[in-house]
N, C-alpha and C. Protein backbone atom coordinates (compact mmCIF):
# COMPACT_ATOMS: atom_id res chain seq x y z
N MET A 1 8.18 16.24 42.66
CA MET A 1 7.19 16.32 41.59
C MET A 1 6.77 14.91 41.16
N VAL A 2 5.47 14.66 41.16
CA VAL A 2 4.95 13.37 40.73
C VAL A 2 4.96 13.33 39.20
N LYS A 3 5.58 12.30 38.66
CA LYS A 3 5.66 12.18 37.21
C LYS A 3 4.41 11.50 36.66
N PRO A 4 3.96 11.89 35.47
CA PRO A 4 2.68 11.38 34.95
C PRO A 4 2.64 9.88 34.72
N PHE A 5 3.77 9.27 34.36
CA PHE A 5 3.76 7.86 33.97
C PHE A 5 4.76 7.05 34.78
N THR A 6 4.35 5.87 35.20
CA THR A 6 5.24 4.99 35.93
C THR A 6 6.34 4.47 35.01
N ASN A 7 5.93 3.96 33.86
CA ASN A 7 6.86 3.43 32.86
C ASN A 7 6.14 3.40 31.52
N ARG A 8 6.77 2.84 30.51
CA ARG A 8 6.18 2.83 29.17
C ARG A 8 4.91 1.98 29.11
N ARG A 9 4.87 0.89 29.86
CA ARG A 9 3.67 0.04 29.87
C ARG A 9 2.48 0.80 30.44
N ASP A 10 2.72 1.48 31.53
CA ASP A 10 1.67 2.30 32.14
C ASP A 10 1.20 3.37 31.16
N ALA A 11 2.14 4.04 30.50
CA ALA A 11 1.79 5.08 29.53
C ALA A 11 0.98 4.49 28.38
N GLY A 12 1.38 3.29 27.91
CA GLY A 12 0.66 2.66 26.82
C GLY A 12 -0.78 2.31 27.19
N ARG A 13 -0.98 1.82 28.40
CA ARG A 13 -2.34 1.50 28.83
C ARG A 13 -3.20 2.75 28.90
N ARG A 14 -2.64 3.82 29.41
CA ARG A 14 -3.40 5.08 29.48
C ARG A 14 -3.69 5.63 28.10
N LEU A 15 -2.70 5.53 27.22
CA LEU A 15 -2.88 6.03 25.85
C LEU A 15 -3.91 5.18 25.11
N GLY A 16 -3.85 3.87 25.29
CA GLY A 16 -4.81 3.00 24.64
C GLY A 16 -6.24 3.30 25.07
N THR A 17 -6.41 3.56 26.36
CA THR A 17 -7.74 3.90 26.88
C THR A 17 -8.26 5.18 26.24
N ARG A 18 -7.38 6.18 26.12
CA ARG A 18 -7.79 7.44 25.49
C ARG A 18 -8.15 7.22 24.02
N LEU A 19 -7.34 6.46 23.32
CA LEU A 19 -7.60 6.21 21.90
C LEU A 19 -8.92 5.47 21.71
N ALA A 20 -9.23 4.55 22.59
CA ALA A 20 -10.50 3.82 22.49
C ALA A 20 -11.69 4.78 22.57
N GLU A 21 -11.48 5.91 23.23
CA GLU A 21 -12.55 6.90 23.39
C GLU A 21 -12.65 7.87 22.22
N VAL A 22 -11.49 8.19 21.59
CA VAL A 22 -11.49 9.30 20.63
C VAL A 22 -11.30 8.88 19.18
N LEU A 23 -10.88 7.64 18.93
CA LEU A 23 -10.67 7.23 17.54
C LEU A 23 -11.99 6.99 16.83
N SER A 24 -12.13 7.58 15.66
CA SER A 24 -13.31 7.30 14.85
C SER A 24 -13.13 6.00 14.08
N ASP A 25 -11.88 5.61 13.86
CA ASP A 25 -11.57 4.37 13.14
C ASP A 25 -11.58 3.21 14.13
N LYS A 26 -12.40 2.22 13.88
CA LYS A 26 -12.51 1.09 14.80
C LYS A 26 -11.58 -0.05 14.43
N ASN A 27 -11.09 -0.08 13.20
CA ASN A 27 -10.19 -1.13 12.76
C ASN A 27 -8.90 -0.48 12.27
N VAL A 28 -7.86 -0.56 13.09
CA VAL A 28 -6.61 0.13 12.76
C VAL A 28 -5.44 -0.84 12.87
N VAL A 29 -4.33 -0.43 12.28
CA VAL A 29 -3.04 -1.11 12.50
C VAL A 29 -2.20 -0.18 13.37
N VAL A 30 -1.68 -0.72 14.47
CA VAL A 30 -0.81 0.06 15.35
C VAL A 30 0.64 -0.26 15.00
N VAL A 31 1.45 0.77 14.81
CA VAL A 31 2.88 0.57 14.58
C VAL A 31 3.67 1.35 15.62
N GLY A 32 4.61 0.66 16.24
CA GLY A 32 5.46 1.30 17.24
C GLY A 32 6.78 1.72 16.63
N LEU A 33 7.32 2.83 17.11
CA LEU A 33 8.63 3.30 16.66
C LEU A 33 9.69 2.76 17.62
N PRO A 34 10.55 1.85 17.13
CA PRO A 34 11.55 1.25 18.03
C PRO A 34 12.58 2.29 18.47
N ARG A 35 13.18 2.10 19.65
CA ARG A 35 12.79 0.96 20.46
C ARG A 35 11.73 1.33 21.50
N GLY A 36 11.85 2.51 22.07
CA GLY A 36 10.99 2.86 23.20
C GLY A 36 9.51 2.93 22.91
N GLY A 37 9.14 3.15 21.65
CA GLY A 37 7.73 3.25 21.32
C GLY A 37 7.02 1.91 21.26
N VAL A 38 7.78 0.82 21.17
CA VAL A 38 7.14 -0.49 20.97
C VAL A 38 6.39 -0.98 22.21
N PRO A 39 6.97 -0.92 23.43
CA PRO A 39 6.18 -1.34 24.58
C PRO A 39 4.93 -0.48 24.79
N VAL A 40 4.99 0.80 24.45
CA VAL A 40 3.81 1.65 24.51
C VAL A 40 2.78 1.16 23.49
N ALA A 41 3.26 0.91 22.26
CA ALA A 41 2.37 0.48 21.18
C ALA A 41 1.76 -0.89 21.48
N TYR A 42 2.52 -1.77 22.12
CA TYR A 42 2.00 -3.10 22.45
C TYR A 42 0.76 -2.98 23.33
N GLU A 43 0.83 -2.13 24.35
CA GLU A 43 -0.31 -1.95 25.25
C GLU A 43 -1.49 -1.29 24.53
N VAL A 44 -1.19 -0.37 23.63
CA VAL A 44 -2.25 0.28 22.84
C VAL A 44 -2.96 -0.76 21.98
N ALA A 45 -2.18 -1.57 21.27
CA ALA A 45 -2.77 -2.59 20.39
C ALA A 45 -3.58 -3.60 21.18
N ARG A 46 -3.12 -3.95 22.38
CA ARG A 46 -3.84 -4.91 23.21
C ARG A 46 -5.20 -4.36 23.62
N ILE A 47 -5.24 -3.08 23.96
CA ILE A 47 -6.51 -2.46 24.37
C ILE A 47 -7.44 -2.28 23.18
N LEU A 48 -6.89 -1.91 22.04
CA LEU A 48 -7.71 -1.69 20.85
C LEU A 48 -8.04 -2.99 20.10
N LEU A 49 -7.42 -4.11 20.54
CA LEU A 49 -7.65 -5.42 19.91
C LEU A 49 -7.31 -5.37 18.41
N CYS A 50 -6.13 -4.84 18.11
CA CYS A 50 -5.76 -4.71 16.70
C CYS A 50 -4.32 -5.20 16.49
N ARG A 51 -3.92 -5.25 15.25
CA ARG A 51 -2.60 -5.76 14.88
C ARG A 51 -1.49 -4.77 15.25
N LEU A 52 -0.31 -5.34 15.52
CA LEU A 52 0.86 -4.55 15.91
C LEU A 52 2.02 -4.86 14.99
N ASP A 53 2.74 -3.81 14.60
CA ASP A 53 3.97 -3.97 13.82
C ASP A 53 4.93 -2.87 14.25
N VAL A 54 6.13 -2.92 13.70
CA VAL A 54 7.09 -1.84 13.91
C VAL A 54 7.23 -1.04 12.62
N LEU A 55 7.60 0.19 12.77
CA LEU A 55 7.97 1.02 11.64
C LEU A 55 9.30 1.64 12.05
N VAL A 56 10.36 1.19 11.40
CA VAL A 56 11.70 1.54 11.88
C VAL A 56 12.12 2.90 11.34
N VAL A 57 12.46 3.78 12.26
CA VAL A 57 12.96 5.12 11.94
C VAL A 57 14.20 5.37 12.78
N ARG A 58 15.01 6.31 12.34
CA ARG A 58 16.22 6.66 13.08
C ARG A 58 16.40 8.16 13.06
N LYS A 59 16.77 8.68 14.19
CA LYS A 59 17.14 10.10 14.28
C LYS A 59 18.48 10.31 13.60
N VAL A 60 18.62 11.42 12.89
CA VAL A 60 19.91 11.83 12.34
C VAL A 60 20.43 12.92 13.26
N GLY A 61 21.37 12.56 14.13
CA GLY A 61 21.81 13.48 15.17
C GLY A 61 22.97 14.36 14.75
N VAL A 62 23.05 15.51 15.37
CA VAL A 62 24.17 16.43 15.15
C VAL A 62 25.48 15.75 15.59
N PRO A 63 26.54 15.83 14.79
CA PRO A 63 27.82 15.26 15.22
C PRO A 63 28.23 15.80 16.59
N LEU A 64 28.65 14.91 17.46
CA LEU A 64 29.07 15.19 18.83
C LEU A 64 27.88 15.50 19.76
N GLN A 65 26.69 15.66 19.20
CA GLN A 65 25.47 15.83 20.00
C GLN A 65 24.36 14.97 19.39
N PRO A 66 24.52 13.65 19.40
CA PRO A 66 23.63 12.77 18.64
C PRO A 66 22.18 12.78 19.09
N GLU A 67 21.91 13.24 20.32
CA GLU A 67 20.51 13.29 20.77
C GLU A 67 19.74 14.46 20.16
N LEU A 68 20.46 15.39 19.55
CA LEU A 68 19.83 16.56 18.95
C LEU A 68 19.59 16.29 17.47
N ALA A 69 18.33 16.26 17.06
CA ALA A 69 17.99 15.84 15.70
C ALA A 69 18.24 16.96 14.68
N MET A 70 18.97 16.61 13.62
CA MET A 70 19.06 17.51 12.47
C MET A 70 18.33 16.87 11.28
N GLY A 71 17.60 15.80 11.58
CA GLY A 71 16.81 15.12 10.57
C GLY A 71 16.41 13.75 11.07
N ALA A 72 15.78 12.97 10.21
CA ALA A 72 15.38 11.60 10.55
C ALA A 72 15.25 10.81 9.27
N ILE A 73 15.49 9.51 9.37
CA ILE A 73 15.31 8.62 8.23
C ILE A 73 14.32 7.53 8.59
N GLY A 74 13.72 6.93 7.57
CA GLY A 74 12.78 5.84 7.81
C GLY A 74 12.86 4.82 6.70
N GLU A 75 12.12 3.73 6.88
CA GLU A 75 12.03 2.71 5.84
C GLU A 75 11.52 3.36 4.55
N GLU A 76 11.66 2.65 3.45
CA GLU A 76 11.31 3.14 2.11
C GLU A 76 12.21 4.27 1.66
N GLY A 77 13.38 4.45 2.32
CA GLY A 77 14.32 5.48 1.92
C GLY A 77 13.91 6.89 2.30
N MET A 78 12.96 7.02 3.22
CA MET A 78 12.46 8.34 3.58
C MET A 78 13.49 9.15 4.36
N LEU A 79 13.51 10.45 4.13
CA LEU A 79 14.42 11.36 4.81
C LEU A 79 13.71 12.68 5.08
N GLU A 80 13.77 13.13 6.32
CA GLU A 80 13.30 14.46 6.69
C GLU A 80 14.50 15.22 7.23
N VAL A 81 14.65 16.47 6.83
CA VAL A 81 15.80 17.27 7.21
C VAL A 81 15.35 18.46 8.06
N GLU A 82 16.13 18.74 9.12
CA GLU A 82 15.92 19.93 9.96
C GLU A 82 17.02 20.94 9.59
N PRO A 83 16.85 21.71 8.50
CA PRO A 83 17.95 22.54 8.01
C PRO A 83 18.41 23.61 9.01
N ALA A 84 17.47 24.11 9.81
CA ALA A 84 17.85 25.16 10.76
C ALA A 84 18.82 24.61 11.80
N THR A 85 18.61 23.39 12.25
CA THR A 85 19.50 22.78 13.24
C THR A 85 20.86 22.51 12.63
N ALA A 86 20.88 21.95 11.43
CA ALA A 86 22.16 21.69 10.77
C ALA A 86 22.95 22.99 10.57
N LYS A 87 22.25 24.04 10.19
CA LYS A 87 22.92 25.33 9.97
C LYS A 87 23.44 25.90 11.29
N ARG A 88 22.64 25.78 12.34
CA ARG A 88 23.03 26.36 13.64
C ARG A 88 24.31 25.73 14.16
N PHE A 89 24.52 24.44 13.86
CA PHE A 89 25.71 23.76 14.35
C PHE A 89 26.78 23.60 13.26
N SER A 90 26.61 24.36 12.16
CA SER A 90 27.61 24.41 11.08
C SER A 90 27.95 23.01 10.55
N VAL A 91 26.92 22.21 10.38
CA VAL A 91 27.12 20.85 9.86
C VAL A 91 27.26 20.93 8.34
N THR A 92 28.33 20.38 7.81
CA THR A 92 28.55 20.42 6.37
C THR A 92 27.71 19.34 5.68
N ASP A 93 27.55 19.48 4.37
CA ASP A 93 26.83 18.45 3.61
C ASP A 93 27.49 17.09 3.76
N ALA A 94 28.83 17.08 3.74
CA ALA A 94 29.56 15.81 3.85
C ALA A 94 29.32 15.17 5.22
N GLN A 95 29.33 15.98 6.27
CA GLN A 95 29.05 15.45 7.61
C GLN A 95 27.63 14.89 7.70
N PHE A 96 26.69 15.63 7.14
CA PHE A 96 25.30 15.18 7.17
C PHE A 96 25.14 13.84 6.44
N GLU A 97 25.72 13.77 5.26
CA GLU A 97 25.60 12.53 4.46
C GLU A 97 26.27 11.35 5.16
N ARG A 98 27.35 11.61 5.90
CA ARG A 98 28.04 10.53 6.60
C ARG A 98 27.16 9.99 7.75
N VAL A 99 26.53 10.90 8.49
CA VAL A 99 25.64 10.47 9.58
C VAL A 99 24.44 9.72 9.02
N VAL A 100 23.87 10.21 7.91
CA VAL A 100 22.73 9.52 7.29
C VAL A 100 23.12 8.11 6.87
N ALA A 101 24.29 7.95 6.27
CA ALA A 101 24.75 6.63 5.83
C ALA A 101 24.90 5.68 7.01
N ASP A 102 25.48 6.18 8.11
CA ASP A 102 25.64 5.34 9.31
C ASP A 102 24.29 4.93 9.87
N GLU A 103 23.37 5.89 9.95
CA GLU A 103 22.05 5.59 10.51
C GLU A 103 21.25 4.67 9.58
N ARG A 104 21.44 4.81 8.28
CA ARG A 104 20.74 3.94 7.33
C ARG A 104 21.20 2.49 7.51
N ALA A 105 22.49 2.29 7.75
CA ALA A 105 23.00 0.94 7.98
C ALA A 105 22.40 0.35 9.26
N THR A 106 22.30 1.17 10.29
CA THR A 106 21.70 0.70 11.55
C THR A 106 20.22 0.40 11.35
N LEU A 107 19.53 1.25 10.61
CA LEU A 107 18.10 1.04 10.35
C LEU A 107 17.87 -0.30 9.65
N GLU A 108 18.65 -0.58 8.62
CA GLU A 108 18.47 -1.82 7.88
C GLU A 108 18.75 -3.04 8.75
N GLU A 109 19.73 -2.91 9.63
CA GLU A 109 20.04 -4.00 10.56
C GLU A 109 18.86 -4.23 11.52
N ARG A 110 18.27 -3.13 12.01
CA ARG A 110 17.14 -3.25 12.94
C ARG A 110 15.92 -3.85 12.25
N VAL A 111 15.69 -3.50 11.00
CA VAL A 111 14.56 -4.08 10.25
C VAL A 111 14.72 -5.60 10.19
N ARG A 112 15.91 -6.06 9.86
CA ARG A 112 16.16 -7.51 9.79
C ARG A 112 15.98 -8.17 11.15
N LEU A 113 16.47 -7.52 12.18
CA LEU A 113 16.41 -8.07 13.54
C LEU A 113 14.97 -8.18 14.03
N TYR A 114 14.19 -7.11 13.86
CA TYR A 114 12.85 -7.08 14.43
C TYR A 114 11.85 -7.92 13.64
N ARG A 115 11.98 -7.93 12.34
CA ARG A 115 10.98 -8.64 11.53
C ARG A 115 11.26 -10.15 11.48
N GLU A 116 12.51 -10.55 11.67
CA GLU A 116 12.85 -11.97 11.69
C GLU A 116 12.28 -12.73 10.49
N GLY A 117 12.33 -12.09 9.34
CA GLY A 117 11.83 -12.72 8.12
C GLY A 117 10.34 -12.64 7.92
N VAL A 118 9.62 -12.08 8.88
CA VAL A 118 8.16 -11.93 8.76
C VAL A 118 7.87 -10.65 7.97
N PRO A 119 7.07 -10.72 6.91
CA PRO A 119 6.78 -9.51 6.13
C PRO A 119 6.08 -8.45 6.98
N ALA A 120 6.32 -7.21 6.65
CA ALA A 120 5.62 -6.12 7.32
C ALA A 120 4.12 -6.24 7.05
N ILE A 121 3.32 -5.85 8.04
CA ILE A 121 1.87 -5.81 7.85
C ILE A 121 1.55 -4.79 6.77
N SER A 122 0.72 -5.16 5.82
CA SER A 122 0.33 -4.23 4.77
C SER A 122 -0.45 -3.06 5.35
N LEU A 123 -0.08 -1.86 4.94
CA LEU A 123 -0.81 -0.66 5.37
C LEU A 123 -1.72 -0.13 4.27
N GLU A 124 -1.79 -0.84 3.16
CA GLU A 124 -2.61 -0.41 2.03
C GLU A 124 -4.07 -0.31 2.46
N ASN A 125 -4.66 0.89 2.26
CA ASN A 125 -6.07 1.15 2.58
C ASN A 125 -6.40 0.96 4.05
N GLU A 126 -5.40 1.14 4.91
CA GLU A 126 -5.60 0.99 6.36
C GLU A 126 -5.50 2.34 7.07
N ALA A 127 -6.19 2.44 8.20
CA ALA A 127 -5.94 3.53 9.14
C ALA A 127 -4.81 3.07 10.06
N VAL A 128 -3.79 3.90 10.21
CA VAL A 128 -2.58 3.50 10.92
C VAL A 128 -2.37 4.43 12.11
N VAL A 129 -2.12 3.82 13.28
CA VAL A 129 -1.80 4.59 14.48
C VAL A 129 -0.31 4.41 14.76
N ILE A 130 0.45 5.49 14.63
CA ILE A 130 1.89 5.48 14.89
C ILE A 130 2.11 5.89 16.34
N VAL A 131 2.82 5.05 17.09
CA VAL A 131 2.98 5.27 18.53
C VAL A 131 4.46 5.38 18.89
N ASP A 132 4.77 6.39 19.70
CA ASP A 132 6.11 6.51 20.28
C ASP A 132 5.95 6.81 21.76
N ASP A 133 7.08 6.79 22.51
CA ASP A 133 6.97 7.05 23.95
C ASP A 133 6.96 8.54 24.27
N GLY A 134 7.17 9.38 23.27
CA GLY A 134 7.10 10.82 23.46
C GLY A 134 7.76 11.54 22.29
N LEU A 135 7.40 12.81 22.13
CA LEU A 135 7.96 13.61 21.03
C LEU A 135 8.59 14.87 21.58
N ALA A 136 9.85 15.08 21.23
CA ALA A 136 10.52 16.34 21.57
C ALA A 136 10.47 17.29 20.38
N THR A 137 11.02 16.84 19.23
CA THR A 137 10.96 17.67 18.02
C THR A 137 9.91 17.15 17.03
N GLY A 138 9.61 15.86 17.09
CA GLY A 138 8.67 15.27 16.15
C GLY A 138 9.30 14.83 14.85
N ALA A 139 10.63 14.90 14.74
CA ALA A 139 11.29 14.57 13.47
C ALA A 139 11.07 13.11 13.08
N THR A 140 11.25 12.18 14.03
CA THR A 140 11.10 10.77 13.68
C THR A 140 9.64 10.41 13.39
N ALA A 141 8.71 10.99 14.14
CA ALA A 141 7.29 10.74 13.87
C ALA A 141 6.90 11.28 12.50
N HIS A 142 7.48 12.41 12.12
CA HIS A 142 7.17 13.01 10.81
C HIS A 142 7.59 12.06 9.69
N VAL A 143 8.81 11.53 9.78
CA VAL A 143 9.26 10.62 8.73
C VAL A 143 8.45 9.33 8.75
N ALA A 144 7.99 8.89 9.92
CA ALA A 144 7.14 7.71 10.01
C ALA A 144 5.81 7.94 9.30
N CYS A 145 5.27 9.12 9.41
CA CYS A 145 4.04 9.45 8.68
C CYS A 145 4.25 9.33 7.17
N SER A 146 5.40 9.80 6.71
CA SER A 146 5.69 9.71 5.27
C SER A 146 5.79 8.26 4.82
N VAL A 147 6.40 7.41 5.65
CA VAL A 147 6.51 5.99 5.30
C VAL A 147 5.12 5.36 5.24
N ALA A 148 4.29 5.64 6.24
CA ALA A 148 2.94 5.06 6.27
C ALA A 148 2.14 5.46 5.04
N ARG A 149 2.24 6.71 4.65
CA ARG A 149 1.49 7.16 3.47
C ARG A 149 2.06 6.51 2.20
N ALA A 150 3.39 6.37 2.14
CA ALA A 150 4.00 5.71 0.98
C ALA A 150 3.55 4.26 0.87
N ARG A 151 3.21 3.65 1.99
CA ARG A 151 2.75 2.27 1.99
C ARG A 151 1.24 2.16 1.78
N GLY A 152 0.59 3.28 1.54
CA GLY A 152 -0.81 3.24 1.15
C GLY A 152 -1.81 3.47 2.25
N ALA A 153 -1.38 3.93 3.42
CA ALA A 153 -2.32 4.20 4.50
C ALA A 153 -3.32 5.27 4.08
N THR A 154 -4.59 5.04 4.40
CA THR A 154 -5.62 6.02 4.06
C THR A 154 -5.76 7.11 5.12
N ARG A 155 -5.47 6.74 6.37
CA ARG A 155 -5.46 7.72 7.47
C ARG A 155 -4.25 7.45 8.34
N VAL A 156 -3.61 8.53 8.77
CA VAL A 156 -2.43 8.42 9.61
C VAL A 156 -2.68 9.17 10.92
N ILE A 157 -2.64 8.42 12.01
CA ILE A 157 -2.84 8.99 13.35
C ILE A 157 -1.53 8.81 14.12
N VAL A 158 -1.08 9.83 14.79
CA VAL A 158 0.08 9.71 15.68
C VAL A 158 -0.43 9.84 17.11
N ALA A 159 0.02 8.94 17.99
CA ALA A 159 -0.42 8.95 19.38
C ALA A 159 0.77 8.76 20.30
N VAL A 160 0.90 9.64 21.28
CA VAL A 160 2.03 9.58 22.21
C VAL A 160 1.56 9.97 23.62
N PRO A 161 2.25 9.46 24.63
CA PRO A 161 1.92 9.89 25.99
C PRO A 161 2.24 11.36 26.25
N VAL A 162 3.37 11.84 25.72
CA VAL A 162 3.80 13.21 26.01
C VAL A 162 4.44 13.83 24.78
N THR A 163 4.22 15.13 24.61
CA THR A 163 4.79 15.85 23.48
C THR A 163 5.12 17.28 23.87
N SER A 164 6.09 17.85 23.18
CA SER A 164 6.30 19.30 23.29
C SER A 164 5.22 20.00 22.47
N VAL A 165 4.95 21.23 22.81
CA VAL A 165 3.96 22.01 22.05
C VAL A 165 4.42 22.16 20.60
N ALA A 166 5.72 22.39 20.40
CA ALA A 166 6.24 22.56 19.03
C ALA A 166 6.02 21.30 18.20
N ALA A 167 6.27 20.13 18.81
CA ALA A 167 6.06 18.87 18.08
C ALA A 167 4.58 18.65 17.80
N ALA A 168 3.72 19.06 18.74
CA ALA A 168 2.28 18.91 18.54
C ALA A 168 1.80 19.74 17.36
N ILE A 169 2.31 20.95 17.24
CA ILE A 169 1.94 21.81 16.10
C ILE A 169 2.38 21.15 14.80
N ARG A 170 3.58 20.58 14.82
CA ARG A 170 4.09 19.89 13.63
C ARG A 170 3.20 18.69 13.28
N MET A 171 2.82 17.91 14.28
CA MET A 171 1.98 16.73 14.03
C MET A 171 0.60 17.11 13.53
N ASP A 172 0.07 18.21 14.01
CA ASP A 172 -1.24 18.66 13.52
C ASP A 172 -1.20 18.97 12.03
N ARG A 173 0.00 19.33 11.51
CA ARG A 173 0.14 19.63 10.08
C ARG A 173 0.28 18.38 9.23
N VAL A 174 0.88 17.32 9.77
CA VAL A 174 1.25 16.18 8.92
C VAL A 174 0.42 14.92 9.18
N THR A 175 -0.51 14.96 10.15
CA THR A 175 -1.33 13.79 10.45
C THR A 175 -2.80 14.09 10.17
N ASP A 176 -3.58 13.02 10.13
CA ASP A 176 -5.03 13.18 10.07
C ASP A 176 -5.61 13.35 11.47
N GLN A 177 -4.91 12.85 12.47
CA GLN A 177 -5.32 13.01 13.87
C GLN A 177 -4.10 12.85 14.74
N PHE A 178 -3.99 13.70 15.75
CA PHE A 178 -2.88 13.62 16.69
C PHE A 178 -3.45 13.55 18.10
N VAL A 179 -2.99 12.56 18.86
CA VAL A 179 -3.49 12.34 20.22
C VAL A 179 -2.30 12.30 21.18
N SER A 180 -2.37 13.11 22.22
CA SER A 180 -1.34 13.08 23.27
C SER A 180 -2.03 13.26 24.62
N LEU A 181 -1.40 12.72 25.66
CA LEU A 181 -1.96 12.83 27.01
C LEU A 181 -1.42 14.05 27.75
N VAL A 182 -0.16 14.41 27.48
CA VAL A 182 0.49 15.54 28.16
C VAL A 182 1.19 16.38 27.12
N ARG A 183 0.98 17.71 27.19
CA ARG A 183 1.72 18.64 26.32
C ARG A 183 2.50 19.60 27.20
N ALA A 184 3.77 19.79 26.87
CA ALA A 184 4.64 20.62 27.71
C ALA A 184 5.27 21.72 26.87
N ASP A 185 5.38 22.92 27.46
CA ASP A 185 6.03 24.04 26.80
C ASP A 185 7.54 23.91 26.89
N GLY A 186 8.20 24.45 25.88
CA GLY A 186 9.64 24.55 25.92
C GLY A 186 10.35 23.24 25.67
N PRO A 187 11.68 23.29 25.54
CA PRO A 187 12.46 22.07 25.30
C PRO A 187 12.45 21.18 26.54
N PHE A 188 12.44 19.89 26.34
CA PHE A 188 12.45 18.97 27.47
C PHE A 188 12.96 17.61 27.03
N ALA A 189 13.26 16.76 27.98
CA ALA A 189 13.61 15.37 27.71
C ALA A 189 12.39 14.51 28.01
N VAL A 190 12.04 13.64 27.08
CA VAL A 190 10.85 12.79 27.25
C VAL A 190 10.93 12.01 28.56
N GLY A 191 12.12 11.54 28.91
CA GLY A 191 12.28 10.72 30.10
C GLY A 191 11.90 11.39 31.40
N GLN A 192 11.85 12.71 31.44
CA GLN A 192 11.52 13.39 32.69
C GLN A 192 10.06 13.22 33.07
N PHE A 193 9.24 12.67 32.18
CA PHE A 193 7.83 12.46 32.47
C PHE A 193 7.54 11.02 32.92
N TYR A 194 8.59 10.21 33.07
CA TYR A 194 8.47 8.81 33.48
C TYR A 194 9.24 8.55 34.76
N GLU A 195 8.64 7.78 35.68
CA GLU A 195 9.39 7.34 36.86
C GLU A 195 10.51 6.40 36.43
N ASP A 196 10.21 5.49 35.52
CA ASP A 196 11.20 4.54 35.01
C ASP A 196 11.27 4.71 33.50
N PHE A 197 12.41 5.18 33.02
CA PHE A 197 12.61 5.39 31.58
C PHE A 197 13.88 4.67 31.13
N GLY A 198 14.07 3.47 31.69
CA GLY A 198 15.23 2.70 31.29
C GLY A 198 15.17 2.34 29.82
N GLN A 199 16.33 2.12 29.23
CA GLN A 199 16.40 1.84 27.79
C GLN A 199 15.66 0.54 27.45
N THR A 200 14.86 0.58 26.40
CA THR A 200 14.20 -0.61 25.89
C THR A 200 15.21 -1.42 25.07
N SER A 201 15.29 -2.71 25.34
CA SER A 201 16.25 -3.56 24.63
C SER A 201 15.67 -4.06 23.31
N ASP A 202 16.55 -4.48 22.42
CA ASP A 202 16.10 -5.11 21.18
C ASP A 202 15.26 -6.35 21.48
N GLN A 203 15.68 -7.11 22.50
CA GLN A 203 14.94 -8.34 22.83
C GLN A 203 13.53 -8.04 23.30
N GLU A 204 13.34 -6.94 24.04
CA GLU A 204 12.00 -6.57 24.47
C GLU A 204 11.12 -6.22 23.27
N VAL A 205 11.68 -5.54 22.30
CA VAL A 205 10.95 -5.23 21.07
C VAL A 205 10.53 -6.52 20.37
N ILE A 206 11.48 -7.44 20.21
CA ILE A 206 11.19 -8.71 19.54
C ILE A 206 10.13 -9.49 20.30
N ASP A 207 10.25 -9.55 21.63
CA ASP A 207 9.30 -10.30 22.45
C ASP A 207 7.88 -9.74 22.29
N ASP A 208 7.75 -8.42 22.27
CA ASP A 208 6.42 -7.81 22.12
C ASP A 208 5.82 -8.14 20.75
N LEU A 209 6.65 -8.10 19.73
CA LEU A 209 6.15 -8.41 18.38
C LEU A 209 5.72 -9.87 18.28
N VAL A 210 6.50 -10.77 18.87
CA VAL A 210 6.15 -12.20 18.85
C VAL A 210 4.86 -12.43 19.61
N LYS A 211 4.72 -11.82 20.79
CA LYS A 211 3.48 -11.97 21.57
C LYS A 211 2.28 -11.47 20.79
N ALA A 212 2.45 -10.32 20.12
CA ALA A 212 1.34 -9.76 19.34
C ALA A 212 0.97 -10.68 18.18
N ARG A 213 1.97 -11.24 17.49
CA ARG A 213 1.68 -12.16 16.38
C ARG A 213 0.98 -13.41 16.89
N ASN A 214 1.42 -13.95 18.02
CA ASN A 214 0.81 -15.16 18.56
C ASN A 214 -0.64 -14.91 18.97
N THR A 215 -0.90 -13.73 19.56
CA THR A 215 -2.27 -13.39 19.95
C THR A 215 -3.16 -13.29 18.73
N GLU A 216 -2.62 -12.67 17.66
CA GLU A 216 -3.40 -12.55 16.43
C GLU A 216 -3.71 -13.92 15.84
N SER A 217 -2.72 -14.83 15.85
CA SER A 217 -2.92 -16.17 15.31
C SER A 217 -3.98 -16.93 16.09
N GLU A 218 -3.98 -16.76 17.42
CA GLU A 218 -4.95 -17.46 18.25
C GLU A 218 -6.37 -16.97 18.04
N SER A 219 -6.50 -15.68 17.64
CA SER A 219 -7.84 -15.11 17.47
C SER A 219 -8.43 -15.39 16.09
N GLU A 220 -7.61 -15.90 15.17
CA GLU A 220 -8.09 -16.16 13.81
C GLU A 220 -8.91 -17.45 13.75
């Protein structure tokens, strides 16, 4: 089976091309969801000739099955809960709170690491395009939308190379516009749609953000 995307860079270029065709907003801020969403977002921002930032979110995974989301957290103290998942795996309130605390500590560490003392780009009165490398449940993208709106975004667009149908329905409810290149039925792993889905490193995230900042400085 031929997979739709070679790697995240390829997916980002394809997604950026689609967004250039369908976005009504010509001046946007692109934010990538670390880590895997940032190389996709970098290519999108490069094609759209717009600013790039990160919006740090973390999945709240089921104990012993951390890849399965029972919620998500984001900057500004945002929290989205998947109560049906927590109930299905008999997760207690104490267990949930412990995982949230651990993920919150990791989130704050990642914010410090990625921003390197540089203030976040203001989203006040901006149209914001939130980019990830794919959506299975949509939990992290949902909490990212809440953060963007809390920061004053006037329009929130989520754009991904691939999504489940269930996540797409969820995004249609919580965004002003949702753009995806591939929609798949049933549960799946995002990585199965990429030839190369190796883990994105923290350094790659930092390098993309520095390159984007330098490009913006040169264009001013």
